[in-house]
N, C-alpha and C. Protein backbone atom coordinates (compact mmCIF):
# COMPACT_ATOMS: atom_id res chain seq x y z
N MET A 1 121.82 85.20 83.32
CA MET A 1 121.11 86.00 82.33
C MET A 1 119.62 85.67 82.40
N SER A 2 118.80 86.69 82.36
CA SER A 2 117.36 86.45 82.45
C SER A 2 116.83 85.94 81.12
N SER A 3 115.70 85.30 81.19
CA SER A 3 115.07 84.79 79.98
C SER A 3 114.46 85.95 79.19
N GLU A 4 114.10 85.66 77.96
CA GLU A 4 113.44 86.66 77.13
C GLU A 4 112.15 87.13 77.78
N VAL A 5 111.39 86.21 78.33
CA VAL A 5 110.13 86.58 78.98
C VAL A 5 110.39 87.54 80.14
N ASP A 6 111.39 87.24 80.95
CA ASP A 6 111.72 88.13 82.07
C ASP A 6 112.14 89.51 81.58
N ALA A 7 112.90 89.55 80.50
CA ALA A 7 113.35 90.84 79.96
C ALA A 7 112.16 91.64 79.41
N ILE A 8 111.24 90.98 78.74
CA ILE A 8 110.05 91.67 78.22
C ILE A 8 109.16 92.12 79.37
N LYS A 9 109.00 91.29 80.39
CA LYS A 9 108.23 91.70 81.58
C LYS A 9 108.82 92.97 82.18
N ALA A 10 110.14 92.99 82.34
CA ALA A 10 110.80 94.16 82.91
C ALA A 10 110.62 95.39 82.02
N LEU A 11 110.73 95.20 80.71
CA LEU A 11 110.53 96.30 79.76
C LEU A 11 109.14 96.90 79.91
N LEU A 12 108.13 96.05 79.95
CA LEU A 12 106.76 96.57 80.07
C LEU A 12 106.53 97.24 81.41
N LEU A 13 107.06 96.66 82.48
CA LEU A 13 106.85 97.23 83.80
C LEU A 13 107.57 98.56 83.99
N HIS A 14 108.81 98.62 83.54
CA HIS A 14 109.62 99.80 83.85
C HIS A 14 109.62 100.89 82.79
N GLU A 15 109.28 100.53 81.55
CA GLU A 15 109.34 101.55 80.50
C GLU A 15 108.00 101.82 79.83
N TRP A 16 107.13 100.82 79.76
CA TRP A 16 105.82 101.00 79.12
C TRP A 16 104.82 101.48 80.18
N ASP A 17 104.54 100.71 81.18
CA ASP A 17 103.80 101.02 82.40
C ASP A 17 102.64 102.02 82.27
N PRO A 18 101.62 101.68 81.49
CA PRO A 18 100.53 102.64 81.26
C PRO A 18 99.70 102.99 82.49
N ILE A 19 99.72 102.16 83.53
CA ILE A 19 98.93 102.50 84.72
C ILE A 19 99.80 102.98 85.88
N GLY A 20 101.10 103.12 85.64
CA GLY A 20 101.98 103.73 86.63
C GLY A 20 102.22 102.93 87.88
N VAL A 21 102.47 101.63 87.74
CA VAL A 21 102.67 100.79 88.92
C VAL A 21 104.11 100.32 89.10
N SER A 22 105.02 100.85 88.32
CA SER A 22 106.39 100.37 88.33
C SER A 22 107.02 100.35 89.72
N GLY A 23 106.78 101.34 90.52
CA GLY A 23 107.39 101.40 91.84
C GLY A 23 106.54 100.86 92.97
N VAL A 24 105.42 100.23 92.65
CA VAL A 24 104.49 99.75 93.67
C VAL A 24 104.83 98.32 94.08
N ASP A 25 105.01 98.12 95.38
CA ASP A 25 105.28 96.76 95.87
C ASP A 25 104.13 95.83 95.50
N GLY A 26 104.47 94.66 95.01
CA GLY A 26 103.47 93.66 94.66
C GLY A 26 102.93 93.79 93.25
N ALA A 27 103.38 94.77 92.50
CA ALA A 27 102.87 94.97 91.14
C ALA A 27 103.78 94.39 90.07
N GLU A 28 104.78 93.63 90.50
CA GLU A 28 105.77 93.12 89.56
C GLU A 28 105.17 92.25 88.46
N ASP A 29 104.02 91.66 88.71
CA ASP A 29 103.42 90.76 87.71
C ASP A 29 102.25 91.41 86.97
N GLU A 30 102.08 92.71 87.11
CA GLU A 30 100.92 93.41 86.55
C GLU A 30 100.79 93.25 85.04
N TYR A 31 101.91 93.24 84.33
CA TYR A 31 101.87 93.18 82.87
C TYR A 31 102.32 91.83 82.31
N ASP A 32 102.38 90.81 83.14
CA ASP A 32 102.87 89.50 82.70
C ASP A 32 102.08 88.95 81.52
N ARG A 33 100.77 89.05 81.55
CA ARG A 33 99.98 88.48 80.45
C ARG A 33 100.30 89.15 79.12
N TYR A 34 100.58 90.44 79.17
CA TYR A 34 100.91 91.16 77.94
C TYR A 34 102.32 90.81 77.48
N ALA A 35 103.23 90.64 78.43
CA ALA A 35 104.59 90.23 78.10
C ALA A 35 104.59 88.85 77.44
N LEU A 36 103.79 87.95 77.96
CA LEU A 36 103.70 86.61 77.37
C LEU A 36 103.17 86.68 75.95
N GLU A 37 102.19 87.53 75.70
CA GLU A 37 101.66 87.68 74.35
C GLU A 37 102.69 88.30 73.42
N VAL A 38 103.43 89.29 73.91
CA VAL A 38 104.48 89.90 73.08
C VAL A 38 105.53 88.84 72.74
N CYS A 39 105.92 88.02 73.70
CA CYS A 39 106.89 86.95 73.43
C CYS A 39 106.35 85.96 72.41
N LYS A 40 105.10 85.63 72.52
CA LYS A 40 104.47 84.73 71.54
C LYS A 40 104.52 85.35 70.16
N MET A 41 104.15 86.63 70.08
CA MET A 41 104.17 87.33 68.81
C MET A 41 105.59 87.36 68.22
N LEU A 42 106.58 87.63 69.05
CA LEU A 42 107.96 87.64 68.59
C LEU A 42 108.37 86.28 68.05
N GLY A 43 107.98 85.23 68.76
CA GLY A 43 108.29 83.88 68.32
C GLY A 43 107.65 83.52 67.00
N GLU A 44 106.54 84.17 66.70
CA GLU A 44 105.83 83.94 65.44
C GLU A 44 106.28 84.89 64.34
N GLY A 45 107.28 85.72 64.64
CA GLY A 45 107.84 86.60 63.62
C GLY A 45 107.18 87.96 63.48
N ALA A 46 106.43 88.38 64.47
CA ALA A 46 105.77 89.69 64.39
C ALA A 46 106.80 90.81 64.27
N ASP A 47 106.43 91.85 63.53
CA ASP A 47 107.30 93.00 63.39
C ASP A 47 106.91 94.08 64.39
N ALA A 48 107.72 95.15 64.42
CA ALA A 48 107.48 96.23 65.38
C ALA A 48 106.10 96.86 65.25
N PRO A 49 105.61 97.13 64.04
CA PRO A 49 104.27 97.72 63.94
C PRO A 49 103.18 96.82 64.53
N ALA A 50 103.30 95.52 64.36
CA ALA A 50 102.29 94.60 64.91
C ALA A 50 102.34 94.60 66.44
N ILE A 51 103.52 94.62 66.99
CA ILE A 51 103.66 94.63 68.45
C ILE A 51 103.17 95.96 69.01
N ALA A 52 103.54 97.06 68.36
CA ALA A 52 103.07 98.37 68.80
C ALA A 52 101.55 98.45 68.73
N HIS A 53 100.97 97.91 67.69
CA HIS A 53 99.51 97.89 67.56
C HIS A 53 98.88 97.11 68.72
N TYR A 54 99.46 95.97 69.04
CA TYR A 54 98.94 95.17 70.17
C TYR A 54 99.02 95.96 71.47
N LEU A 55 100.18 96.57 71.73
CA LEU A 55 100.34 97.33 72.97
C LEU A 55 99.35 98.49 73.03
N ASN A 56 99.15 99.16 71.91
CA ASN A 56 98.19 100.25 71.88
C ASN A 56 96.77 99.75 72.11
N TRP A 57 96.45 98.58 71.54
CA TRP A 57 95.13 97.98 71.76
C TRP A 57 94.93 97.67 73.24
N VAL A 58 95.96 97.14 73.89
CA VAL A 58 95.85 96.82 75.32
C VAL A 58 95.49 98.08 76.09
N VAL A 59 96.20 99.17 75.83
CA VAL A 59 95.97 100.40 76.58
C VAL A 59 94.62 101.02 76.26
N THR A 60 94.30 101.15 74.99
CA THR A 60 93.11 101.89 74.60
C THR A 60 91.82 101.09 74.69
N THR A 61 91.89 99.81 74.41
CA THR A 61 90.68 98.99 74.39
C THR A 61 90.52 98.20 75.68
N TRP A 62 91.54 97.48 76.06
CA TRP A 62 91.45 96.63 77.25
C TRP A 62 91.42 97.45 78.53
N MET A 63 92.33 98.44 78.62
CA MET A 63 92.43 99.25 79.84
C MET A 63 91.57 100.52 79.77
N SER A 64 91.06 100.84 78.60
CA SER A 64 90.25 102.05 78.39
C SER A 64 90.98 103.33 78.81
N LEU A 65 92.26 103.40 78.45
CA LEU A 65 93.07 104.58 78.76
C LEU A 65 93.48 105.26 77.46
N ARG A 66 94.00 106.43 77.58
CA ARG A 66 94.53 107.15 76.41
C ARG A 66 95.87 106.52 76.05
N GLY A 67 96.04 106.16 74.81
CA GLY A 67 97.26 105.51 74.36
C GLY A 67 98.36 106.49 74.02
N ASN A 68 99.55 105.95 73.85
CA ASN A 68 100.72 106.72 73.44
C ASN A 68 101.40 105.91 72.33
N VAL A 69 101.00 106.17 71.10
CA VAL A 69 101.49 105.41 69.95
C VAL A 69 103.01 105.49 69.84
N ASP A 70 103.57 106.64 70.10
CA ASP A 70 105.03 106.79 70.00
C ASP A 70 105.74 105.90 71.01
N LEU A 71 105.25 105.89 72.24
CA LEU A 71 105.85 105.01 73.25
C LEU A 71 105.67 103.55 72.86
N ASP A 72 104.51 103.18 72.36
CA ASP A 72 104.27 101.80 71.94
C ASP A 72 105.27 101.38 70.87
N ARG A 73 105.59 102.28 69.95
CA ARG A 73 106.58 101.97 68.90
C ARG A 73 107.97 101.77 69.50
N VAL A 74 108.34 102.62 70.43
CA VAL A 74 109.64 102.50 71.08
C VAL A 74 109.74 101.16 71.82
N ILE A 75 108.71 100.83 72.57
CA ILE A 75 108.70 99.58 73.33
C ILE A 75 108.73 98.38 72.38
N ALA A 76 107.99 98.45 71.30
CA ALA A 76 107.99 97.36 70.32
C ALA A 76 109.38 97.15 69.74
N ASN A 77 110.07 98.22 69.40
CA ASN A 77 111.42 98.10 68.87
C ASN A 77 112.39 97.53 69.91
N LYS A 78 112.22 97.93 71.16
CA LYS A 78 113.06 97.38 72.23
C LYS A 78 112.77 95.90 72.43
N ALA A 79 111.50 95.50 72.33
CA ALA A 79 111.14 94.09 72.47
C ALA A 79 111.79 93.27 71.35
N ILE A 80 111.78 93.80 70.14
CA ILE A 80 112.43 93.09 69.03
C ILE A 80 113.93 92.99 69.27
N ALA A 81 114.54 94.05 69.78
CA ALA A 81 115.97 94.01 70.08
C ALA A 81 116.28 92.95 71.13
N ILE A 82 115.44 92.86 72.14
CA ILE A 82 115.62 91.82 73.17
C ILE A 82 115.53 90.45 72.53
N HIS A 83 114.51 90.25 71.71
CA HIS A 83 114.31 88.96 71.04
C HIS A 83 115.51 88.62 70.16
N GLN A 84 115.97 89.58 69.39
CA GLN A 84 117.10 89.33 68.50
C GLN A 84 118.38 89.03 69.28
N SER A 85 118.57 89.69 70.41
CA SER A 85 119.77 89.45 71.20
C SER A 85 119.78 88.05 71.81
N ARG A 86 118.61 87.50 72.03
CA ARG A 86 118.49 86.16 72.59
C ARG A 86 118.66 85.07 71.52
N GLN A 87 118.57 85.48 70.25
CA GLN A 87 118.69 84.52 69.15
C GLN A 87 120.15 84.23 68.82
N ASN A 88 121.05 85.09 69.25
CA ASN A 88 122.49 84.93 68.89
C ASN A 88 123.20 83.99 69.82
C-alpha cells in the first residue's frame, strides 16, 4: 500500500494537473512540493475549503494560470478522503 504522500502526489498529478504534464515522461515529481504541503495541512487538521483555497492559490498566484475552483474543491475532498482512509 502506498503512503499518504504517494497517494496525494498521484492525485495531484493525475486528476488536478493544472499544467497538463500527467502523461509526460519525467514529470512524475512536478507537483511533489504541493502534495507535501497538502499532507502537512491534512496533518494539521485543515478542512476541504482550506485545501481547495491553497490549490487555487498555487494555480492562480504561483503558476499565474486560470484556476478551476470546482476542480480544486473536488481534489481537496479526495485528499481528505485519502487522509481519512489512512487513519483507520
